[in-house]
Amino acid sequence: MSDKNGSAGGKPDVAALREDIKQTRAELGETVQALAAKADVKARAKEQVELTKQKAKAQVHDATGKVREAAAAAVGAASEKVRTAKAQAGDKVALAGDKVKESGALDKVKESGVLDKVKDTGVLDKAQEARAQVQRNPIPFAAVLAAGVALVGIILIVRGRRK
């Protein structure tokens, strides 16, 4: 450079000029890469799709956890209600049995022959079988109830995301 263009000294060092050129080329290369990345719409769209997929997976994971928690809570509540209902039914049956014995109605039914007719139809046996089955395993009712609650929860979550 010369004194006319504002340089303070004489001739610049060749090594310094080469280093300056090398640095300028590197900066220019980075700038070109940044501009190319901004201009590459396809790559940017793929990036956005990937981000959206990750967000959706995270939301599904969270929703699944919440539904499982709700289903577990519903199963617990339903099981407790089944136990309570079973206990109350047992108490009421015992009370009704005591009242029947006190009133003498059972003796009157035996005398009338109605009890024999009921035994002959098999209805009494079926009722006793159903009672025994419920006493042995009251949980299927609770499980069906919990599954229904979970299904309703999933449907509501899916509907909420569509809107």
N, C-alpha and C. Protein backbone atom coordinates (compact mmCIF):
# COMPACT_ATOMS: atom_id res chain seq x y z
N MET A 1 0.84 -1.17 0.00
CA MET A 1 0.00 0.00 0.00
C MET A 1 0.89 1.23 0.00
N SER A 2 0.29 2.34 -0.39
CA SER A 2 1.08 3.58 -0.46
C SER A 2 0.58 4.57 0.56
N ASP A 3 1.29 5.67 0.67
CA ASP A 3 0.90 6.72 1.60
C ASP A 3 -0.38 7.39 1.17
N LYS A 4 -0.72 7.30 -0.06
CA LYS A 4 -1.89 7.99 -0.58
C LYS A 4 -3.20 7.38 -0.06
N ASN A 5 -3.22 6.09 0.20
CA ASN A 5 -4.48 5.47 0.60
C ASN A 5 -4.62 5.37 2.12
N GLY A 6 -3.85 6.05 2.88
CA GLY A 6 -4.05 6.16 4.31
C GLY A 6 -3.21 5.23 5.14
N SER A 7 -2.32 4.50 4.58
CA SER A 7 -1.50 3.59 5.36
C SER A 7 -0.40 4.37 6.04
N ALA A 8 -0.12 4.05 7.29
CA ALA A 8 0.83 4.83 8.09
C ALA A 8 2.26 4.46 7.77
N GLY A 9 2.54 3.28 7.42
CA GLY A 9 3.92 2.87 7.24
C GLY A 9 4.26 2.64 5.80
N GLY A 10 5.39 2.00 5.63
CA GLY A 10 5.85 1.67 4.29
C GLY A 10 5.15 0.44 3.79
N LYS A 11 5.92 -0.47 3.23
CA LYS A 11 5.36 -1.71 2.68
C LYS A 11 4.92 -2.62 3.82
N PRO A 12 3.70 -3.20 3.69
CA PRO A 12 3.26 -4.14 4.72
C PRO A 12 4.02 -5.46 4.60
N ASP A 13 4.05 -6.19 5.67
CA ASP A 13 4.72 -7.48 5.72
C ASP A 13 3.94 -8.49 4.90
N VAL A 14 4.64 -9.25 4.07
CA VAL A 14 4.01 -10.22 3.18
C VAL A 14 3.34 -11.32 4.00
N ALA A 15 3.97 -11.76 5.06
CA ALA A 15 3.41 -12.82 5.90
C ALA A 15 2.12 -12.34 6.56
N ALA A 16 2.09 -11.09 7.00
CA ALA A 16 0.90 -10.54 7.63
C ALA A 16 -0.23 -10.45 6.62
N LEU A 17 0.09 -10.05 5.39
CA LEU A 17 -0.93 -9.98 4.34
C LEU A 17 -1.50 -11.36 4.05
N ARG A 18 -0.62 -12.35 3.97
CA ARG A 18 -1.08 -13.71 3.69
C ARG A 18 -1.98 -14.20 4.84
N GLU A 19 -1.60 -13.91 6.06
CA GLU A 19 -2.42 -14.30 7.21
C GLU A 19 -3.77 -13.60 7.18
N ASP A 20 -3.77 -12.33 6.81
CA ASP A 20 -5.01 -11.56 6.72
C ASP A 20 -5.91 -12.15 5.64
N ILE A 21 -5.33 -12.51 4.52
CA ILE A 21 -6.09 -13.11 3.41
C ILE A 21 -6.67 -14.46 3.84
N LYS A 22 -5.87 -15.24 4.54
CA LYS A 22 -6.32 -16.55 5.01
C LYS A 22 -7.52 -16.40 5.97
N GLN A 23 -7.42 -15.44 6.88
CA GLN A 23 -8.51 -15.21 7.84
C GLN A 23 -9.76 -14.71 7.13
N THR A 24 -9.59 -13.83 6.17
CA THR A 24 -10.73 -13.30 5.41
C THR A 24 -11.42 -14.41 4.63
N ARG A 25 -10.63 -15.32 4.05
CA ARG A 25 -11.21 -16.45 3.32
C ARG A 25 -12.02 -17.34 4.26
N ALA A 26 -11.47 -17.58 5.45
CA ALA A 26 -12.19 -18.42 6.41
C ALA A 26 -13.51 -17.78 6.81
N GLU A 27 -13.49 -16.48 7.10
CA GLU A 27 -14.70 -15.77 7.47
C GLU A 27 -15.70 -15.77 6.32
N LEU A 28 -15.20 -15.57 5.12
CA LEU A 28 -16.06 -15.57 3.93
C LEU A 28 -16.70 -16.95 3.74
N GLY A 29 -15.92 -18.01 3.97
CA GLY A 29 -16.45 -19.38 3.85
C GLY A 29 -17.56 -19.63 4.86
N GLU A 30 -17.36 -19.17 6.10
CA GLU A 30 -18.40 -19.34 7.11
C GLU A 30 -19.66 -18.57 6.75
N THR A 31 -19.47 -17.36 6.23
CA THR A 31 -20.62 -16.55 5.83
C THR A 31 -21.39 -17.22 4.70
N VAL A 32 -20.66 -17.76 3.73
CA VAL A 32 -21.30 -18.44 2.60
C VAL A 32 -22.07 -19.67 3.11
N GLN A 33 -21.48 -20.42 4.04
CA GLN A 33 -22.16 -21.59 4.59
C GLN A 33 -23.44 -21.19 5.33
N ALA A 34 -23.37 -20.11 6.10
CA ALA A 34 -24.56 -19.64 6.83
C ALA A 34 -25.65 -19.22 5.86
N LEU A 35 -25.27 -18.51 4.80
CA LEU A 35 -26.26 -18.09 3.81
C LEU A 35 -26.85 -19.29 3.08
N ALA A 36 -26.02 -20.28 2.77
CA ALA A 36 -26.50 -21.48 2.09
C ALA A 36 -27.48 -22.24 2.98
N ALA A 37 -27.18 -22.28 4.29
CA ALA A 37 -28.07 -22.97 5.21
C ALA A 37 -29.42 -22.27 5.29
N LYS A 38 -29.40 -20.93 5.29
CA LYS A 38 -30.66 -20.19 5.32
C LYS A 38 -31.45 -20.37 4.02
N ALA A 39 -30.76 -20.50 2.93
CA ALA A 39 -31.41 -20.63 1.63
C ALA A 39 -31.91 -22.05 1.39
N ASP A 40 -31.42 -23.04 2.14
CA ASP A 40 -31.81 -24.43 1.96
C ASP A 40 -33.14 -24.68 2.67
N VAL A 41 -34.23 -24.41 1.97
CA VAL A 41 -35.56 -24.52 2.54
C VAL A 41 -35.89 -25.98 2.89
N LYS A 42 -35.47 -26.89 2.06
CA LYS A 42 -35.77 -28.30 2.28
C LYS A 42 -35.16 -28.79 3.60
N ALA A 43 -33.91 -28.43 3.84
CA ALA A 43 -33.25 -28.85 5.08
C ALA A 43 -33.91 -28.19 6.30
N ARG A 44 -34.27 -26.93 6.17
CA ARG A 44 -34.93 -26.23 7.27
C ARG A 44 -36.29 -26.85 7.56
N ALA A 45 -37.01 -27.24 6.50
CA ALA A 45 -38.32 -27.87 6.68
C ALA A 45 -38.16 -29.22 7.38
N LYS A 46 -37.15 -29.98 6.99
CA LYS A 46 -36.90 -31.28 7.64
C LYS A 46 -36.58 -31.08 9.12
N GLU A 47 -35.80 -30.06 9.41
CA GLU A 47 -35.45 -29.75 10.79
C GLU A 47 -36.71 -29.44 11.60
N GLN A 48 -37.58 -28.64 11.01
CA GLN A 48 -38.82 -28.25 11.69
C GLN A 48 -39.72 -29.47 11.91
N VAL A 49 -39.78 -30.35 10.91
CA VAL A 49 -40.58 -31.57 11.03
C VAL A 49 -40.02 -32.43 12.16
N GLU A 50 -38.72 -32.55 12.23
CA GLU A 50 -38.09 -33.35 13.28
C GLU A 50 -38.39 -32.78 14.66
N LEU A 51 -38.32 -31.46 14.80
CA LEU A 51 -38.65 -30.83 16.07
C LEU A 51 -40.11 -31.08 16.45
N THR A 52 -40.98 -30.97 15.47
CA THR A 52 -42.40 -31.20 15.73
C THR A 52 -42.65 -32.65 16.14
N LYS A 53 -41.97 -33.59 15.49
CA LYS A 53 -42.11 -35.00 15.85
C LYS A 53 -41.65 -35.25 17.28
N GLN A 54 -40.55 -34.63 17.66
CA GLN A 54 -40.04 -34.81 19.02
C GLN A 54 -41.01 -34.24 20.05
N LYS A 55 -41.58 -33.07 19.73
CA LYS A 55 -42.56 -32.47 20.65
C LYS A 55 -43.79 -33.37 20.78
N ALA A 56 -44.25 -33.91 19.65
CA ALA A 56 -45.44 -34.77 19.66
C ALA A 56 -45.17 -36.04 20.47
N LYS A 57 -43.98 -36.62 20.30
CA LYS A 57 -43.63 -37.82 21.06
C LYS A 57 -43.60 -37.51 22.55
N ALA A 58 -43.06 -36.37 22.91
CA ALA A 58 -43.01 -35.99 24.32
C ALA A 58 -44.43 -35.81 24.88
N GLN A 59 -45.30 -35.19 24.10
CA GLN A 59 -46.68 -34.99 24.55
C GLN A 59 -47.41 -36.33 24.69
N VAL A 60 -47.18 -37.23 23.76
CA VAL A 60 -47.81 -38.56 23.84
C VAL A 60 -47.30 -39.29 25.08
N HIS A 61 -46.01 -39.19 25.32
CA HIS A 61 -45.44 -39.84 26.49
C HIS A 61 -46.06 -39.29 27.78
N ASP A 62 -46.17 -37.97 27.85
CA ASP A 62 -46.78 -37.34 29.03
C ASP A 62 -48.25 -37.76 29.18
N ALA A 63 -48.97 -37.73 28.07
CA ALA A 63 -50.40 -38.09 28.12
C ALA A 63 -50.57 -39.55 28.51
N THR A 64 -49.71 -40.42 28.01
CA THR A 64 -49.79 -41.83 28.36
C THR A 64 -49.58 -42.02 29.86
N GLY A 65 -48.60 -41.31 30.39
CA GLY A 65 -48.36 -41.39 31.83
C GLY A 65 -49.55 -40.92 32.63
N LYS A 66 -50.14 -39.82 32.20
CA LYS A 66 -51.31 -39.28 32.91
C LYS A 66 -52.49 -40.26 32.84
N VAL A 67 -52.70 -40.86 31.67
CA VAL A 67 -53.80 -41.82 31.51
C VAL A 67 -53.57 -43.04 32.39
N ARG A 68 -52.31 -43.49 32.44
CA ARG A 68 -52.01 -44.65 33.29
C ARG A 68 -52.26 -44.33 34.76
N GLU A 69 -51.84 -43.14 35.16
CA GLU A 69 -52.07 -42.73 36.54
C GLU A 69 -53.57 -42.66 36.84
N ALA A 70 -54.32 -42.08 35.90
CA ALA A 70 -55.76 -41.95 36.09
C ALA A 70 -56.42 -43.33 36.13
N ALA A 71 -55.96 -44.24 35.26
CA ALA A 71 -56.53 -45.59 35.24
C ALA A 71 -56.22 -46.31 36.55
N ALA A 72 -55.00 -46.15 37.04
CA ALA A 72 -54.64 -46.80 38.31
C ALA A 72 -55.49 -46.25 39.46
N ALA A 73 -55.69 -44.95 39.44
CA ALA A 73 -56.52 -44.33 40.48
C ALA A 73 -57.96 -44.83 40.36
N ALA A 74 -58.45 -44.95 39.13
CA ALA A 74 -59.82 -45.42 38.92
C ALA A 74 -59.97 -46.87 39.36
N VAL A 75 -58.96 -47.69 39.09
CA VAL A 75 -59.02 -49.08 39.52
C VAL A 75 -59.06 -49.15 41.05
N GLY A 76 -58.22 -48.34 41.68
CA GLY A 76 -58.21 -48.33 43.15
C GLY A 76 -59.55 -47.88 43.71
N ALA A 77 -60.10 -46.82 43.15
CA ALA A 77 -61.39 -46.31 43.63
C ALA A 77 -62.50 -47.33 43.37
N ALA A 78 -62.49 -47.93 42.19
CA ALA A 78 -63.52 -48.92 41.86
C ALA A 78 -63.41 -50.15 42.76
N SER A 79 -62.19 -50.57 43.02
CA SER A 79 -62.00 -51.73 43.90
C SER A 79 -62.53 -51.43 45.30
N GLU A 80 -62.24 -50.23 45.77
CA GLU A 80 -62.73 -49.85 47.09
C GLU A 80 -64.26 -49.79 47.13
N LYS A 81 -64.85 -49.28 46.06
CA LYS A 81 -66.31 -49.22 46.00
C LYS A 81 -66.92 -50.62 45.95
N VAL A 82 -66.26 -51.53 45.23
CA VAL A 82 -66.75 -52.90 45.16
C VAL A 82 -66.69 -53.54 46.54
N ARG A 83 -65.57 -53.32 47.25
CA ARG A 83 -65.45 -53.88 48.60
C ARG A 83 -66.53 -53.32 49.52
N THR A 84 -66.74 -52.01 49.42
CA THR A 84 -67.75 -51.37 50.27
C THR A 84 -69.14 -51.90 49.94
N ALA A 85 -69.45 -52.00 48.65
CA ALA A 85 -70.77 -52.50 48.24
C ALA A 85 -70.96 -53.94 48.68
N LYS A 86 -69.89 -54.72 48.59
CA LYS A 86 -69.98 -56.12 49.00
C LYS A 86 -70.27 -56.21 50.50
N ALA A 87 -69.57 -55.40 51.28
CA ALA A 87 -69.78 -55.41 52.72
C ALA A 87 -71.20 -54.95 53.06
N GLN A 88 -71.66 -53.89 52.40
CA GLN A 88 -73.01 -53.40 52.66
C GLN A 88 -74.05 -54.43 52.25
N ALA A 89 -73.83 -55.08 51.12
CA ALA A 89 -74.79 -56.10 50.67
C ALA A 89 -74.83 -57.26 51.66
N GLY A 90 -73.66 -57.65 52.16
CA GLY A 90 -73.63 -58.73 53.15
C GLY A 90 -74.38 -58.35 54.41
N ASP A 91 -74.19 -57.11 54.84
CA ASP A 91 -74.91 -56.64 56.03
C ASP A 91 -76.42 -56.64 55.80
N LYS A 92 -76.83 -56.17 54.64
CA LYS A 92 -78.27 -56.11 54.34
C LYS A 92 -78.87 -57.51 54.22
N VAL A 93 -78.11 -58.42 53.63
CA VAL A 93 -78.61 -59.80 53.50
C VAL A 93 -78.77 -60.42 54.88
N ALA A 94 -77.78 -60.20 55.73
CA ALA A 94 -77.87 -60.75 57.09
C ALA A 94 -79.07 -60.17 57.83
N LEU A 95 -79.27 -58.85 57.69
CA LEU A 95 -80.39 -58.19 58.35
C LEU A 95 -81.72 -58.72 57.81
N ALA A 96 -81.79 -58.88 56.49
CA ALA A 96 -83.02 -59.40 55.89
C ALA A 96 -83.27 -60.84 56.35
N GLY A 97 -82.21 -61.63 56.45
CA GLY A 97 -82.35 -63.01 56.92
C GLY A 97 -82.88 -63.05 58.34
N ASP A 98 -82.35 -62.16 59.17
CA ASP A 98 -82.83 -62.09 60.56
C ASP A 98 -84.31 -61.72 60.61
N LYS A 99 -84.69 -60.76 59.77
CA LYS A 99 -86.10 -60.34 59.77
C LYS A 99 -87.01 -61.46 59.29
N VAL A 100 -86.56 -62.21 58.30
CA VAL A 100 -87.37 -63.33 57.79
C VAL A 100 -87.53 -64.38 58.87
N LYS A 101 -86.44 -64.65 59.58
CA LYS A 101 -86.52 -65.65 60.65
C LYS A 101 -87.46 -65.18 61.76
N GLU A 102 -87.37 -63.90 62.11
CA GLU A 102 -88.22 -63.36 63.17
C GLU A 102 -89.70 -63.39 62.80
N SER A 103 -89.99 -63.11 61.53
CA SER A 103 -91.39 -63.03 61.12
C SER A 103 -92.02 -64.39 60.91
N GLY A 104 -91.20 -65.40 60.75
CA GLY A 104 -91.75 -66.73 60.51
C GLY A 104 -92.18 -66.93 59.07
N ALA A 105 -91.79 -66.03 58.19
CA ALA A 105 -92.19 -66.12 56.79
C ALA A 105 -91.59 -67.34 56.12
N LEU A 106 -90.39 -67.74 56.54
CA LEU A 106 -89.75 -68.90 55.93
C LEU A 106 -90.58 -70.17 56.21
N ASP A 107 -91.08 -70.28 57.41
CA ASP A 107 -91.91 -71.43 57.75
C ASP A 107 -93.19 -71.46 56.90
N LYS A 108 -93.75 -70.28 56.69
CA LYS A 108 -94.98 -70.19 55.88
C LYS A 108 -94.69 -70.58 54.43
N VAL A 109 -93.52 -70.15 53.91
CA VAL A 109 -93.16 -70.50 52.53
C VAL A 109 -92.95 -72.01 52.42
N LYS A 110 -92.30 -72.60 53.42
CA LYS A 110 -92.06 -74.05 53.39
C LYS A 110 -93.39 -74.80 53.42
N GLU A 111 -94.30 -74.33 54.21
CA GLU A 111 -95.60 -74.98 54.31
C GLU A 111 -96.40 -74.88 53.01
N SER A 112 -96.24 -73.76 52.31
CA SER A 112 -97.03 -73.56 51.10
C SER A 112 -96.51 -74.38 49.92
N GLY A 113 -95.27 -74.84 49.98
CA GLY A 113 -94.73 -75.64 48.88
C GLY A 113 -94.07 -74.81 47.79
N VAL A 114 -94.02 -73.49 47.93
CA VAL A 114 -93.41 -72.62 46.93
C VAL A 114 -91.91 -72.87 46.84
N LEU A 115 -91.28 -73.13 47.97
CA LEU A 115 -89.83 -73.36 48.01
C LEU A 115 -89.45 -74.57 47.17
N ASP A 116 -90.27 -75.60 47.22
CA ASP A 116 -89.99 -76.80 46.41
C ASP A 116 -90.08 -76.50 44.92
N LYS A 117 -91.05 -75.68 44.55
CA LYS A 117 -91.21 -75.32 43.14
C LYS A 117 -90.01 -74.50 42.65
N VAL A 118 -89.51 -73.59 43.49
CA VAL A 118 -88.35 -72.78 43.12
C VAL A 118 -87.11 -73.65 42.97
N LYS A 119 -86.95 -74.62 43.85
CA LYS A 119 -85.80 -75.52 43.78
C LYS A 119 -85.85 -76.35 42.51
N ASP A 120 -87.05 -76.76 42.10
CA ASP A 120 -87.20 -77.58 40.91
C ASP A 120 -86.81 -76.81 39.64
N THR A 121 -87.02 -75.51 39.60
CA THR A 121 -86.71 -74.73 38.39
C THR A 121 -85.20 -74.47 38.24
N GLY A 122 -84.42 -74.58 39.31
CA GLY A 122 -82.97 -74.37 39.22
C GLY A 122 -82.56 -72.91 39.36
N VAL A 123 -83.51 -72.04 39.56
CA VAL A 123 -83.21 -70.61 39.71
C VAL A 123 -82.38 -70.37 40.96
N LEU A 124 -82.71 -71.06 42.01
CA LEU A 124 -81.99 -70.90 43.28
C LEU A 124 -80.52 -71.31 43.13
N ASP A 125 -80.29 -72.41 42.40
CA ASP A 125 -78.91 -72.85 42.19
C ASP A 125 -78.11 -71.82 41.39
N LYS A 126 -78.72 -71.26 40.36
CA LYS A 126 -78.03 -70.25 39.55
C LYS A 126 -77.73 -69.00 40.35
N ALA A 127 -78.65 -68.60 41.18
CA ALA A 127 -78.44 -67.43 42.02
C ALA A 127 -77.31 -67.68 43.00
N GLN A 128 -77.26 -68.87 43.58
CA GLN A 128 -76.19 -69.20 44.51
C GLN A 128 -74.83 -69.26 43.80
N GLU A 129 -74.81 -69.78 42.57
CA GLU A 129 -73.57 -69.81 41.78
C GLU A 129 -73.07 -68.39 41.50
N ALA A 130 -73.97 -67.51 41.10
CA ALA A 130 -73.59 -66.13 40.81
C ALA A 130 -73.07 -65.44 42.07
N ARG A 131 -73.72 -65.68 43.18
CA ARG A 131 -73.29 -65.08 44.46
C ARG A 131 -71.88 -65.57 44.80
N ALA A 132 -71.64 -66.86 44.66
CA ALA A 132 -70.33 -67.44 44.98
C ALA A 132 -69.25 -66.88 44.05
N GLN A 133 -69.57 -66.73 42.78
CA GLN A 133 -68.60 -66.21 41.82
C GLN A 133 -68.22 -64.76 42.16
N VAL A 134 -69.18 -63.94 42.51
CA VAL A 134 -68.90 -62.56 42.87
C VAL A 134 -68.08 -62.50 44.15
N GLN A 135 -68.37 -63.40 45.09
CA GLN A 135 -67.60 -63.42 46.33
C GLN A 135 -66.16 -63.86 46.08
N ARG A 136 -65.99 -64.83 45.18
CA ARG A 136 -64.64 -65.30 44.88
C ARG A 136 -63.81 -64.26 44.16
N ASN A 137 -64.41 -63.54 43.22
CA ASN A 137 -63.63 -62.64 42.37
C ASN A 137 -64.42 -61.38 42.02
N PRO A 138 -64.42 -60.37 42.89
CA PRO A 138 -65.16 -59.14 42.58
C PRO A 138 -64.35 -58.18 41.70
N ILE A 139 -63.10 -58.49 41.44
CA ILE A 139 -62.21 -57.57 40.73
C ILE A 139 -62.58 -57.38 39.25
N PRO A 140 -63.08 -58.38 38.51
CA PRO A 140 -63.38 -58.12 37.10
C PRO A 140 -64.30 -56.91 36.89
N PHE A 141 -65.25 -56.72 37.77
CA PHE A 141 -66.10 -55.55 37.65
C PHE A 141 -65.28 -54.28 37.76
N ALA A 142 -64.37 -54.25 38.72
CA ALA A 142 -63.51 -53.08 38.92
C ALA A 142 -62.59 -52.89 37.72
N ALA A 143 -62.08 -53.98 37.18
CA ALA A 143 -61.18 -53.88 36.03
C ALA A 143 -61.92 -53.35 34.80
N VAL A 144 -63.13 -53.83 34.60
CA VAL A 144 -63.92 -53.35 33.46
C VAL A 144 -64.23 -51.86 33.63
N LEU A 145 -64.57 -51.47 34.83
CA LEU A 145 -64.85 -50.06 35.11
C LEU A 145 -63.61 -49.21 34.87
N ALA A 146 -62.45 -49.66 35.33
CA ALA A 146 -61.20 -48.90 35.15
C ALA A 146 -60.84 -48.82 33.67
N ALA A 147 -61.03 -49.89 32.93
CA ALA A 147 -60.73 -49.87 31.50
C ALA A 147 -61.64 -48.87 30.79
N GLY A 148 -62.89 -48.83 31.19
CA GLY A 148 -63.81 -47.85 30.59
C GLY A 148 -63.39 -46.43 30.88
N VAL A 149 -62.98 -46.17 32.11
CA VAL A 149 -62.52 -44.83 32.47
C VAL A 149 -61.27 -44.46 31.67
N ALA A 150 -60.34 -45.41 31.54
CA ALA A 150 -59.12 -45.15 30.77
C ALA A 150 -59.46 -44.88 29.30
N LEU A 151 -60.38 -45.63 28.75
CA LEU A 151 -60.77 -45.43 27.35
C LEU A 151 -61.38 -44.05 27.15
N VAL A 152 -62.24 -43.65 28.06
CA VAL A 152 -62.85 -42.32 27.96
C VAL A 152 -61.76 -41.25 28.05
N GLY A 153 -60.80 -41.44 28.95
CA GLY A 153 -59.70 -40.48 29.09
C GLY A 153 -58.89 -40.36 27.82
N ILE A 154 -58.58 -41.48 27.19
CA ILE A 154 -57.81 -41.47 25.94
C ILE A 154 -58.60 -40.77 24.85
N ILE A 155 -59.88 -41.05 24.76
CA ILE A 155 -60.71 -40.42 23.73
C ILE A 155 -60.74 -38.91 23.92
N LEU A 156 -60.88 -38.47 25.16
CA LEU A 156 -60.90 -37.03 25.42
C LEU A 156 -59.57 -36.37 25.08
N ILE A 157 -58.47 -37.04 25.37
CA ILE A 157 -57.15 -36.49 25.04
C ILE A 157 -56.97 -36.38 23.53
N VAL A 158 -57.36 -37.42 22.81
CA VAL A 158 -57.21 -37.40 21.35
C VAL A 158 -58.11 -36.32 20.75
N ARG A 159 -59.33 -36.21 21.23
CA ARG A 159 -60.24 -35.18 20.71
C ARG A 159 -59.70 -33.78 20.98
N GLY A 160 -59.11 -33.59 22.15
CA GLY A 160 -58.57 -32.28 22.51
C GLY A 160 -57.42 -31.87 21.60
N ARG A 161 -56.66 -32.82 21.13
CA ARG A 161 -55.51 -32.50 20.26
C ARG A 161 -55.96 -32.19 18.84
N ARG A 162 -57.08 -32.72 18.42
CA ARG A 162 -57.56 -32.47 17.06
C ARG A 162 -58.08 -31.07 16.88
N LYS A 163 -58.55 -30.48 17.96
CA LYS A 163 -59.17 -29.15 17.87
C LYS A 163 -58.16 -28.07 17.79
